[in-house]
Amino acid sequence: MDRQDPSVRASTSRGKAQGYCATIGQALRRHYGFSDEACAFFDFFAQPATELEQQAADALGPDPLDEPTLAAAREYGLLLQAYEHLFWDTLGALDA
């Protein structure tokens, strides 16, 4: 698969984010007493990608996607990735 393919970039980014999210969720609980409910966002993204991918495939159902739907899904995925990038850049800028 081409390294420029958005799905490859997303899965590579996802692996890094998993570790960050797991660490953040644990730290919020330990240092600030956050509840499981308050950390649910971080817990969700700390899951292994294979489980998340299976949930996404199950949500799509057995019917193949047509090209316009697939194109829209790619666009939304890239937007989500851009927002995630902005999130991490913002956190990084706070330390600067």
PDB file of N, CA and C in Angstrom:
ATOM      1  N   MET A   1       0.851  -1.182   0.000  1.00  0.00           N
ATOM      2  CA  MET A   1       0.000   0.000   0.000  1.00  0.00           C
ATOM      3  C   MET A   1       0.889   1.234   0.000  1.00  0.00           C
ATOM      4  N   ASP A   2       0.528   2.227  -0.734  1.00  0.00           N
ATOM      5  CA  ASP A   2       1.254   3.472  -0.852  1.00  0.00           C
ATOM      6  C   ASP A   2       1.302   4.195   0.497  1.00  0.00           C
ATOM      7  N   ARG A   3       2.477   4.649   0.903  1.00  0.00           N
ATOM      8  CA  ARG A   3       2.619   5.339   2.187  1.00  0.00           C
ATOM      9  C   ARG A   3       1.862   6.670   2.204  1.00  0.00           C
ATOM     10  N   GLN A   4       1.501   7.192   1.037  1.00  0.00           N
ATOM     11  CA  GLN A   4       0.760   8.443   0.990  1.00  0.00           C
ATOM     12  C   GLN A   4      -0.744   8.227   1.124  1.00  0.00           C
ATOM     13  N   ASP A   5      -1.185   6.984   1.086  1.00  0.00           N
ATOM     14  CA  ASP A   5      -2.602   6.676   1.217  1.00  0.00           C
ATOM     15  C   ASP A   5      -3.094   7.185   2.570  1.00  0.00           C
ATOM     16  N   PRO A   6      -4.208   7.933   2.609  1.00  0.00           N
ATOM     17  CA  PRO A   6      -4.719   8.474   3.872  1.00  0.00           C
ATOM     18  C   PRO A   6      -4.976   7.410   4.927  1.00  0.00           C
ATOM     19  N   SER A   7      -5.396   6.224   4.499  1.00  0.00           N
ATOM     20  CA  SER A   7      -5.674   5.182   5.487  1.00  0.00           C
ATOM     21  C   SER A   7      -4.400   4.710   6.167  1.00  0.00           C
ATOM     22  N   VAL A   8      -3.281   4.720   5.437  1.00  0.00           N
ATOM     23  CA  VAL A   8      -2.002   4.344   6.035  1.00  0.00           C
ATOM     24  C   VAL A   8      -1.566   5.415   7.024  1.00  0.00           C
ATOM     25  N   ARG A   9      -1.673   6.679   6.618  1.00  0.00           N
ATOM     26  CA  ARG A   9      -1.306   7.774   7.518  1.00  0.00           C
ATOM     27  C   ARG A   9      -2.180   7.750   8.770  1.00  0.00           C
ATOM     28  N   ALA A  10      -3.465   7.502   8.583  1.00  0.00           N
ATOM     29  CA  ALA A  10      -4.383   7.494   9.726  1.00  0.00           C
ATOM     30  C   ALA A  10      -4.044   6.363  10.682  1.00  0.00           C
ATOM     31  N   SER A  11      -3.730   5.174  10.145  1.00  0.00           N
ATOM     32  CA  SER A  11      -3.436   4.059  11.041  1.00  0.00           C
ATOM     33  C   SER A  11      -2.111   4.272  11.755  1.00  0.00           C
ATOM     34  N   THR A  12      -1.135   4.911  11.093  1.00  0.00           N
ATOM     35  CA  THR A  12       0.137   5.218  11.739  1.00  0.00           C
ATOM     36  C   THR A  12      -0.083   6.243  12.843  1.00  0.00           C
ATOM     37  N   SER A  13      -0.841   7.276  12.535  1.00  0.00           N
ATOM     38  CA  SER A  13      -1.164   8.302  13.524  1.00  0.00           C
ATOM     39  C   SER A  13      -1.959   7.696  14.669  1.00  0.00           C
ATOM     40  N   ARG A  14      -2.848   6.789  14.345  1.00  0.00           N
ATOM     41  CA  ARG A  14      -3.702   6.152  15.352  1.00  0.00           C
ATOM     42  C   ARG A  14      -2.860   5.408  16.378  1.00  0.00           C
ATOM     43  N   GLY A  15      -1.814   4.719  15.918  1.00  0.00           N
ATOM     44  CA  GLY A  15      -0.956   3.984  16.845  1.00  0.00           C
ATOM     45  C   GLY A  15      -0.298   4.894  17.871  1.00  0.00           C
ATOM     46  N   LYS A  16       0.166   6.046  17.417  1.00  0.00           N
ATOM     47  CA  LYS A  16       0.778   7.016  18.328  1.00  0.00           C
ATOM     48  C   LYS A  16      -0.263   7.584  19.284  1.00  0.00           C
ATOM     49  N   ALA A  17      -1.415   7.912  18.747  1.00  0.00           N
ATOM     50  CA  ALA A  17      -2.470   8.506  19.572  1.00  0.00           C
ATOM     51  C   ALA A  17      -2.958   7.529  20.633  1.00  0.00           C
ATOM     52  N   GLN A  18      -2.946   6.237  20.321  1.00  0.00           N
ATOM     53  CA  GLN A  18      -3.378   5.234  21.304  1.00  0.00           C
ATOM     54  C   GLN A  18      -2.588   5.365  22.592  1.00  0.00           C
ATOM     55  N   GLY A  19      -1.271   5.439  22.464  1.00  0.00           N
ATOM     56  CA  GLY A  19      -0.420   5.551  23.645  1.00  0.00           C
ATOM     57  C   GLY A  19      -0.678   6.836  24.411  1.00  0.00           C
ATOM     58  N   TYR A  20      -0.818   7.938  23.674  1.00  0.00           N
ATOM     59  CA  TYR A  20      -1.092   9.225  24.315  1.00  0.00           C
ATOM     60  C   TYR A  20      -2.426   9.175  25.060  1.00  0.00           C
ATOM     61  N   CYS A  21      -3.435   8.642  24.398  1.00  0.00           N
ATOM     62  CA  CYS A  21      -4.769   8.618  25.005  1.00  0.00           C
ATOM     63  C   CYS A  21      -4.806   7.736  26.241  1.00  0.00           C
ATOM     64  N   ALA A  22      -4.147   6.607  26.188  1.00  0.00           N
ATOM     65  CA  ALA A  22      -4.104   5.727  27.358  1.00  0.00           C
ATOM     66  C   ALA A  22      -3.407   6.429  28.519  1.00  0.00           C
ATOM     67  N   THR A  23      -2.299   7.098  28.228  1.00  0.00           N
ATOM     68  CA  THR A  23      -1.548   7.807  29.260  1.00  0.00           C
ATOM     69  C   THR A  23      -2.367   8.950  29.849  1.00  0.00           C
ATOM     70  N   ILE A  24      -3.035   9.709  28.993  1.00  0.00           N
ATOM     71  CA  ILE A  24      -3.838  10.833  29.467  1.00  0.00           C
ATOM     72  C   ILE A  24      -4.982  10.344  30.347  1.00  0.00           C
ATOM     73  N   GLY A  25      -5.678   9.298  29.910  1.00  0.00           N
ATOM     74  CA  GLY A  25      -6.781   8.756  30.703  1.00  0.00           C
ATOM     75  C   GLY A  25      -6.329   8.295  32.076  1.00  0.00           C
ATOM     76  N   GLN A  26      -5.198   7.593  32.110  1.00  0.00           N
ATOM     77  CA  GLN A  26      -4.670   7.115  33.392  1.00  0.00           C
ATOM     78  C   GLN A  26      -4.259   8.287  34.285  1.00  0.00           C
ATOM     79  N   ALA A  27      -3.607   9.278  33.693  1.00  0.00           N
ATOM     80  CA  ALA A  27      -3.138  10.430  34.471  1.00  0.00           C
ATOM     81  C   ALA A  27      -4.305  11.252  35.027  1.00  0.00           C
ATOM     82  N   LEU A  28      -5.349  11.429  34.226  1.00  0.00           N
ATOM     83  CA  LEU A  28      -6.510  12.188  34.703  1.00  0.00           C
ATOM     84  C   LEU A  28      -7.162  11.500  35.895  1.00  0.00           C
ATOM     85  N   ARG A  29      -7.207  10.188  35.853  1.00  0.00           N
ATOM     86  CA  ARG A  29      -7.783   9.441  36.970  1.00  0.00           C
ATOM     87  C   ARG A  29      -6.888   9.547  38.222  1.00  0.00           C
ATOM     88  N   ARG A  30      -5.603   9.285  38.008  1.00  0.00           N
ATOM     89  CA  ARG A  30      -4.670   9.213  39.137  1.00  0.00           C
ATOM     90  C   ARG A  30      -4.420  10.582  39.777  1.00  0.00           C
ATOM     91  N   HIS A  31      -4.164  11.585  38.961  1.00  0.00           N
ATOM     92  CA  HIS A  31      -3.751  12.880  39.505  1.00  0.00           C
ATOM     93  C   HIS A  31      -4.906  13.835  39.812  1.00  0.00           C
ATOM     94  N   TYR A  32      -6.031  13.648  39.102  1.00  0.00           N
ATOM     95  CA  TYR A  32      -7.133  14.587  39.272  1.00  0.00           C
ATOM     96  C   TYR A  32      -8.439  13.936  39.710  1.00  0.00           C
ATOM     97  N   GLY A  33      -8.416  12.612  39.871  1.00  0.00           N
ATOM     98  CA  GLY A  33      -9.599  11.913  40.346  1.00  0.00           C
ATOM     99  C   GLY A  33     -10.760  11.873  39.362  1.00  0.00           C
ATOM    100  N   PHE A  34     -10.468  11.978  38.051  1.00  0.00           N
ATOM    101  CA  PHE A  34     -11.536  11.929  37.045  1.00  0.00           C
ATOM    102  C   PHE A  34     -12.199  10.564  37.053  1.00  0.00           C
ATOM    103  N   SER A  35     -13.483  10.540  36.760  1.00  0.00           N
ATOM    104  CA  SER A  35     -14.240   9.286  36.705  1.00  0.00           C
ATOM    105  C   SER A  35     -14.021   8.591  35.359  1.00  0.00           C
ATOM    106  N   ASP A  36     -14.455   7.323  35.282  1.00  0.00           N
ATOM    107  CA  ASP A  36     -14.396   6.601  34.010  1.00  0.00           C
ATOM    108  C   ASP A  36     -15.207   7.325  32.943  1.00  0.00           C
ATOM    109  N   GLU A  37     -16.345   7.849  33.340  1.00  0.00           N
ATOM    110  CA  GLU A  37     -17.202   8.559  32.388  1.00  0.00           C
ATOM    111  C   GLU A  37     -16.483   9.795  31.836  1.00  0.00           C
ATOM    112  N   ALA A  38     -15.780  10.509  32.684  1.00  0.00           N
ATOM    113  CA  ALA A  38     -15.078  11.716  32.251  1.00  0.00           C
ATOM    114  C   ALA A  38     -13.910  11.388  31.327  1.00  0.00           C
ATOM    115  N   CYS A  39     -13.376  10.173  31.432  1.00  0.00           N
ATOM    116  CA  CYS A  39     -12.229   9.764  30.618  1.00  0.00           C
ATOM    117  C   CYS A  39     -12.629   8.893  29.428  1.00  0.00           C
ATOM    118  N   ALA A  40     -13.921   8.764  29.176  1.00  0.00           N
ATOM    119  CA  ALA A  40     -14.402   7.849  28.131  1.00  0.00           C
ATOM    120  C   ALA A  40     -13.815   8.167  26.759  1.00  0.00           C
ATOM    121  N   PHE A  41     -13.665   9.438  26.422  1.00  0.00           N
ATOM    122  CA  PHE A  41     -13.083   9.821  25.131  1.00  0.00           C
ATOM    123  C   PHE A  41     -11.691   9.223  24.990  1.00  0.00           C
ATOM    124  N   PHE A  42     -10.853   9.391  26.001  1.00  0.00           N
ATOM    125  CA  PHE A  42      -9.482   8.888  25.938  1.00  0.00           C
ATOM    126  C   PHE A  42      -9.448   7.370  25.957  1.00  0.00           C
ATOM    127  N   ASP A  43     -10.341   6.748  26.729  1.00  0.00           N
ATOM    128  CA  ASP A  43     -10.423   5.287  26.761  1.00  0.00           C
ATOM    129  C   ASP A  43     -10.789   4.731  25.391  1.00  0.00           C
ATOM    130  N   PHE A  44     -11.731   5.393  24.715  1.00  0.00           N
ATOM    131  CA  PHE A  44     -12.169   4.923  23.403  1.00  0.00           C
ATOM    132  C   PHE A  44     -11.004   4.926  22.412  1.00  0.00           C
ATOM    133  N   PHE A  45     -10.236   6.011  22.390  1.00  0.00           N
ATOM    134  CA  PHE A  45      -9.145   6.110  21.424  1.00  0.00           C
ATOM    135  C   PHE A  45      -7.885   5.386  21.869  1.00  0.00           C
ATOM    136  N   ALA A  46      -7.889   4.838  23.067  1.00  0.00           N
ATOM    137  CA  ALA A  46      -6.776   4.015  23.531  1.00  0.00           C
ATOM    138  C   ALA A  46      -6.957   2.550  23.130  1.00  0.00           C
ATOM    139  N   GLN A  47      -8.122   2.201  22.586  1.00  0.00           N
ATOM    140  CA  GLN A  47      -8.382   0.830  22.151  1.00  0.00           C
ATOM    141  C   GLN A  47      -7.482   0.469  20.977  1.00  0.00           C
ATOM    142  N   PRO A  48      -7.141  -0.807  20.849  1.00  0.00           N
ATOM    143  CA  PRO A  48      -6.382  -1.238  19.666  1.00  0.00           C
ATOM    144  C   PRO A  48      -7.148  -0.906  18.385  1.00  0.00           C
ATOM    145  N   ALA A  49      -6.431  -0.503  17.373  1.00  0.00           N
ATOM    146  CA  ALA A  49      -7.053  -0.099  16.111  1.00  0.00           C
ATOM    147  C   ALA A  49      -7.866  -1.229  15.485  1.00  0.00           C
ATOM    148  N   THR A  50      -7.441  -2.460  15.642  1.00  0.00           N
ATOM    149  CA  THR A  50      -8.169  -3.560  15.010  1.00  0.00           C
ATOM    150  C   THR A  50      -9.592  -3.655  15.542  1.00  0.00           C
ATOM    151  N   GLU A  51      -9.767  -3.431  16.825  1.00  0.00           N
ATOM    152  CA  GLU A  51     -11.109  -3.472  17.410  1.00  0.00           C
ATOM    153  C   GLU A  51     -11.947  -2.303  16.879  1.00  0.00           C
ATOM    154  N   LEU A  52     -11.348  -1.141  16.802  1.00  0.00           N
ATOM    155  CA  LEU A  52     -12.047   0.028  16.284  1.00  0.00           C
ATOM    156  C   LEU A  52     -12.417  -0.162  14.815  1.00  0.00           C
ATOM    157  N   GLU A  53     -11.494  -0.713  14.049  1.00  0.00           N
ATOM    158  CA  GLU A  53     -11.770  -0.961  12.634  1.00  0.00           C
ATOM    159  C   GLU A  53     -12.915  -1.953  12.464  1.00  0.00           C
ATOM    160  N   GLN A  54     -12.967  -2.973  13.319  1.00  0.00           N
ATOM    161  CA  GLN A  54     -14.054  -3.949  13.234  1.00  0.00           C
ATOM    162  C   GLN A  54     -15.387  -3.284  13.559  1.00  0.00           C
ATOM    163  N   GLN A  55     -15.403  -2.400  14.554  1.00  0.00           N
ATOM    164  CA  GLN A  55     -16.628  -1.686  14.891  1.00  0.00           C
ATOM    165  C   GLN A  55     -17.082  -0.820  13.710  1.00  0.00           C
ATOM    166  N   ALA A  56     -16.138  -0.193  13.041  1.00  0.00           N
ATOM    167  CA  ALA A  56     -16.477   0.637  11.883  1.00  0.00           C
ATOM    168  C   ALA A  56     -17.034  -0.224  10.749  1.00  0.00           C
ATOM    169  N   ALA A  57     -16.414  -1.367  10.497  1.00  0.00           N
ATOM    170  CA  ALA A  57     -16.898  -2.259   9.446  1.00  0.00           C
ATOM    171  C   ALA A  57     -18.291  -2.784   9.773  1.00  0.00           C
ATOM    172  N   ASP A  58     -18.527  -3.116  11.038  1.00  0.00           N
ATOM    173  CA  ASP A  58     -19.844  -3.584  11.454  1.00  0.00           C
ATOM    174  C   ASP A  58     -20.902  -2.494  11.263  1.00  0.00           C
ATOM    175  N   ALA A  59     -20.521  -1.257  11.532  1.00  0.00           N
ATOM    176  CA  ALA A  59     -21.464  -0.143  11.390  1.00  0.00           C
ATOM    177  C   ALA A  59     -21.844   0.085   9.927  1.00  0.00           C
ATOM    178  N   LEU A  60     -20.915  -0.186   9.020  1.00  0.00           N
ATOM    179  CA  LEU A  60     -21.188   0.018   7.595  1.00  0.00           C
ATOM    180  C   LEU A  60     -22.134  -1.033   7.033  1.00  0.00           C
ATOM    181  N   GLY A  61     -22.095  -2.218   7.589  1.00  0.00           N
ATOM    182  CA  GLY A  61     -22.958  -3.280   7.101  1.00  0.00           C
ATOM    183  C   GLY A  61     -22.328  -4.026   5.931  1.00  0.00           C
ATOM    184  N   PRO A  62     -23.043  -4.995   5.385  1.00  0.00           N
ATOM    185  CA  PRO A  62     -22.471  -5.863   4.356  1.00  0.00           C
ATOM    186  C   PRO A  62     -22.455  -5.270   2.939  1.00  0.00           C
ATOM    187  N   ASP A  63     -23.209  -4.206   2.697  1.00  0.00           N
ATOM    188  CA  ASP A  63     -23.280  -3.651   1.350  1.00  0.00           C
ATOM    189  C   ASP A  63     -22.034  -2.843   1.011  1.00  0.00           C
ATOM    190  N   PRO A  64     -21.497  -3.026  -0.217  1.00  0.00           N
ATOM    191  CA  PRO A  64     -20.336  -2.233  -0.612  1.00  0.00           C
ATOM    192  C   PRO A  64     -20.716  -0.759  -0.781  1.00  0.00           C
ATOM    193  N   LEU A  65     -19.754   0.115  -0.551  1.00  0.00           N
ATOM    194  CA  LEU A  65     -19.997   1.545  -0.688  1.00  0.00           C
ATOM    195  C   LEU A  65     -19.779   1.976  -2.137  1.00  0.00           C
ATOM    196  N   ASP A  66     -20.611   2.889  -2.625  1.00  0.00           N
ATOM    197  CA  ASP A  66     -20.408   3.419  -3.968  1.00  0.00           C
ATOM    198  C   ASP A  66     -19.310   4.489  -3.916  1.00  0.00           C
ATOM    199  N   GLU A  67     -18.806   4.893  -5.075  1.00  0.00           N
ATOM    200  CA  GLU A  67     -17.680   5.819  -5.138  1.00  0.00           C
ATOM    201  C   GLU A  67     -17.968   7.179  -4.494  1.00  0.00           C
ATOM    202  N   PRO A  68     -19.139   7.793  -4.709  1.00  0.00           N
ATOM    203  CA  PRO A  68     -19.387   9.076  -4.043  1.00  0.00           C
ATOM    204  C   PRO A  68     -19.389   8.972  -2.510  1.00  0.00           C
ATOM    205  N   THR A  69     -19.948   7.892  -1.991  1.00  0.00           N
ATOM    206  CA  THR A  69     -19.971   7.699  -0.539  1.00  0.00           C
ATOM    207  C   THR A  69     -18.562   7.474  -0.016  1.00  0.00           C
ATOM    208  N   LEU A  70     -17.788   6.678  -0.749  1.00  0.00           N
ATOM    209  CA  LEU A  70     -16.396   6.424  -0.364  1.00  0.00           C
ATOM    210  C   LEU A  70     -15.580   7.709  -0.394  1.00  0.00           C
ATOM    211  N   ALA A  71     -15.794   8.540  -1.409  1.00  0.00           N
ATOM    212  CA  ALA A  71     -15.078   9.819  -1.508  1.00  0.00           C
ATOM    213  C   ALA A  71     -15.431  10.728  -0.338  1.00  0.00           C
ATOM    214  N   ALA A  72     -16.703  10.776   0.022  1.00  0.00           N
ATOM    215  CA  ALA A  72     -17.120  11.596   1.164  1.00  0.00           C
ATOM    216  C   ALA A  72     -16.503  11.065   2.453  1.00  0.00           C
ATOM    217  N   ALA A  73     -16.463   9.750   2.607  1.00  0.00           N
ATOM    218  CA  ALA A  73     -15.869   9.155   3.808  1.00  0.00           C
ATOM    219  C   ALA A  73     -14.392   9.502   3.910  1.00  0.00           C
ATOM    220  N   ARG A  74     -13.678   9.446   2.779  1.00  0.00           N
ATOM    221  CA  ARG A  74     -12.257   9.827   2.780  1.00  0.00           C
ATOM    222  C   ARG A  74     -12.090  11.287   3.189  1.00  0.00           C
ATOM    223  N   GLU A  75     -12.939  12.147   2.635  1.00  0.00           N
ATOM    224  CA  GLU A  75     -12.861  13.573   2.960  1.00  0.00           C
ATOM    225  C   GLU A  75     -13.101  13.792   4.462  1.00  0.00           C
ATOM    226  N   TYR A  76     -14.125  13.145   5.013  1.00  0.00           N
ATOM    227  CA  TYR A  76     -14.413  13.290   6.437  1.00  0.00           C
ATOM    228  C   TYR A  76     -13.262  12.749   7.284  1.00  0.00           C
ATOM    229  N   GLY A  77     -12.679  11.656   6.847  1.00  0.00           N
ATOM    230  CA  GLY A  77     -11.540  11.091   7.563  1.00  0.00           C
ATOM    231  C   GLY A  77     -10.353  12.044   7.580  1.00  0.00           C
ATOM    232  N   LEU A  78     -10.090  12.665   6.442  1.00  0.00           N
ATOM    233  CA  LEU A  78      -8.997  13.631   6.380  1.00  0.00           C
ATOM    234  C   LEU A  78      -9.285  14.862   7.235  1.00  0.00           C
ATOM    235  N   LEU A  79     -10.531  15.300   7.266  1.00  0.00           N
ATOM    236  CA  LEU A  79     -10.898  16.423   8.129  1.00  0.00           C
ATOM    237  C   LEU A  79     -10.687  16.063   9.598  1.00  0.00           C
ATOM    238  N   LEU A  80     -11.108  14.869   9.977  1.00  0.00           N
ATOM    239  CA  LEU A  80     -10.925  14.418  11.351  1.00  0.00           C
ATOM    240  C   LEU A  80      -9.443  14.369  11.700  1.00  0.00           C
ATOM    241  N   GLN A  81      -8.642  13.870  10.768  1.00  0.00           N
ATOM    242  CA  GLN A  81      -7.208  13.797  11.002  1.00  0.00           C
ATOM    243  C   GLN A  81      -6.614  15.202  11.135  1.00  0.00           C
ATOM    244  N   ALA A  82      -7.083  16.142  10.323  1.00  0.00           N
ATOM    245  CA  ALA A  82      -6.596  17.527  10.418  1.00  0.00           C
ATOM    246  C   ALA A  82      -6.964  18.140  11.762  1.00  0.00           C
ATOM    247  N   TYR A  83      -8.184  17.889  12.235  1.00  0.00           N
ATOM    248  CA  TYR A  83      -8.596  18.404  13.541  1.00  0.00           C
ATOM    249  C   TYR A  83      -7.756  17.789  14.659  1.00  0.00           C
ATOM    250  N   GLU A  84      -7.479  16.500  14.538  1.00  0.00           N
ATOM    251  CA  GLU A  84      -6.643  15.849  15.543  1.00  0.00           C
ATOM    252  C   GLU A  84      -5.252  16.480  15.540  1.00  0.00           C
ATOM    253  N   HIS A  85      -4.722  16.734  14.366  1.00  0.00           N
ATOM    254  CA  HIS A  85      -3.409  17.357  14.239  1.00  0.00           C
ATOM    255  C   HIS A  85      -3.408  18.739  14.915  1.00  0.00           C
ATOM    256  N   LEU A  86      -4.450  19.515  14.686  1.00  0.00           N
ATOM    257  CA  LEU A  86      -4.570  20.823  15.331  1.00  0.00           C
ATOM    258  C   LEU A  86      -4.622  20.688  16.855  1.00  0.00           C
ATOM    259  N   PHE A  87      -5.343  19.673  17.334  1.00  0.00           N
ATOM    260  CA  PHE A  87      -5.438  19.420  18.770  1.00  0.00           C
ATOM    261  C   PHE A  87      -4.055  19.207  19.372  1.00  0.00           C
ATOM    262  N   TRP A  88      -3.261  18.293  18.752  1.00  0.00           N
ATOM    263  CA  TRP A  88      -1.960  17.982  19.302  1.00  0.00           C
ATOM    264  C   TRP A  88      -1.000  19.158  19.149  1.00  0.00           C
ATOM    265  N   ASP A  89      -1.094  19.887  18.043  1.00  0.00           N
ATOM    266  CA  ASP A  89      -0.259  21.080  17.865  1.00  0.00           C
ATOM    267  C   ASP A  89      -0.579  22.131  18.922  1.00  0.00           C
ATOM    268  N   THR A  90      -1.843  22.281  19.248  1.00  0.00           N
ATOM    269  CA  THR A  90      -2.250  23.254  20.269  1.00  0.00           C
ATOM    270  C   THR A  90      -1.676  22.862  21.626  1.00  0.00           C
ATOM    271  N   LEU A  91      -1.762  21.573  21.966  1.00  0.00           N
ATOM    272  CA  LEU A  91      -1.182  21.118  23.228  1.00  0.00           C
ATOM    273  C   LEU A  91       0.319  21.340  23.248  1.00  0.00           C
ATOM    274  N   GLY A  92       0.966  21.070  22.118  1.00  0.00           N
ATOM    275  CA  GLY A  92       2.420  21.290  22.033  1.00  0.00           C
ATOM    276  C   GLY A  92       2.795  22.751  22.172  1.00  0.00           C
ATOM    277  N   ALA A  93       1.968  23.611  21.622  1.00  0.00           N
ATOM    278  CA  ALA A  93       2.255  25.042  21.700  1.00  0.00           C
ATOM    279  C   ALA A  93       2.105  25.576  23.124  1.00  0.00           C
ATOM    280  N   LEU A  94       1.297  24.925  23.942  1.00  0.00           N
ATOM    281  CA  LEU A  94       1.122  25.362  25.324  1.00  0.00           C
ATOM    282  C   LEU A  94       2.406  25.214  26.129  1.00  0.00           C
ATOM    283  N   ASP A  95       3.247  24.239  25.756  1.00  0.00           N
ATOM    284  CA  ASP A  95       4.504  24.011  26.451  1.00  0.00           C
ATOM    285  C   ASP A  95       5.605  24.958  25.983  1.00  0.00           C
ATOM    286  N   ALA A  96       5.416  25.560  24.835  1.00  0.00           N
ATOM    287  CA  ALA A  96       6.465  26.418  24.239  1.00  0.00           C
ATOM    288  C   ALA A  96       6.589  27.747  24.932  1.00  0.00           C
TER     289      ALA A  96
END
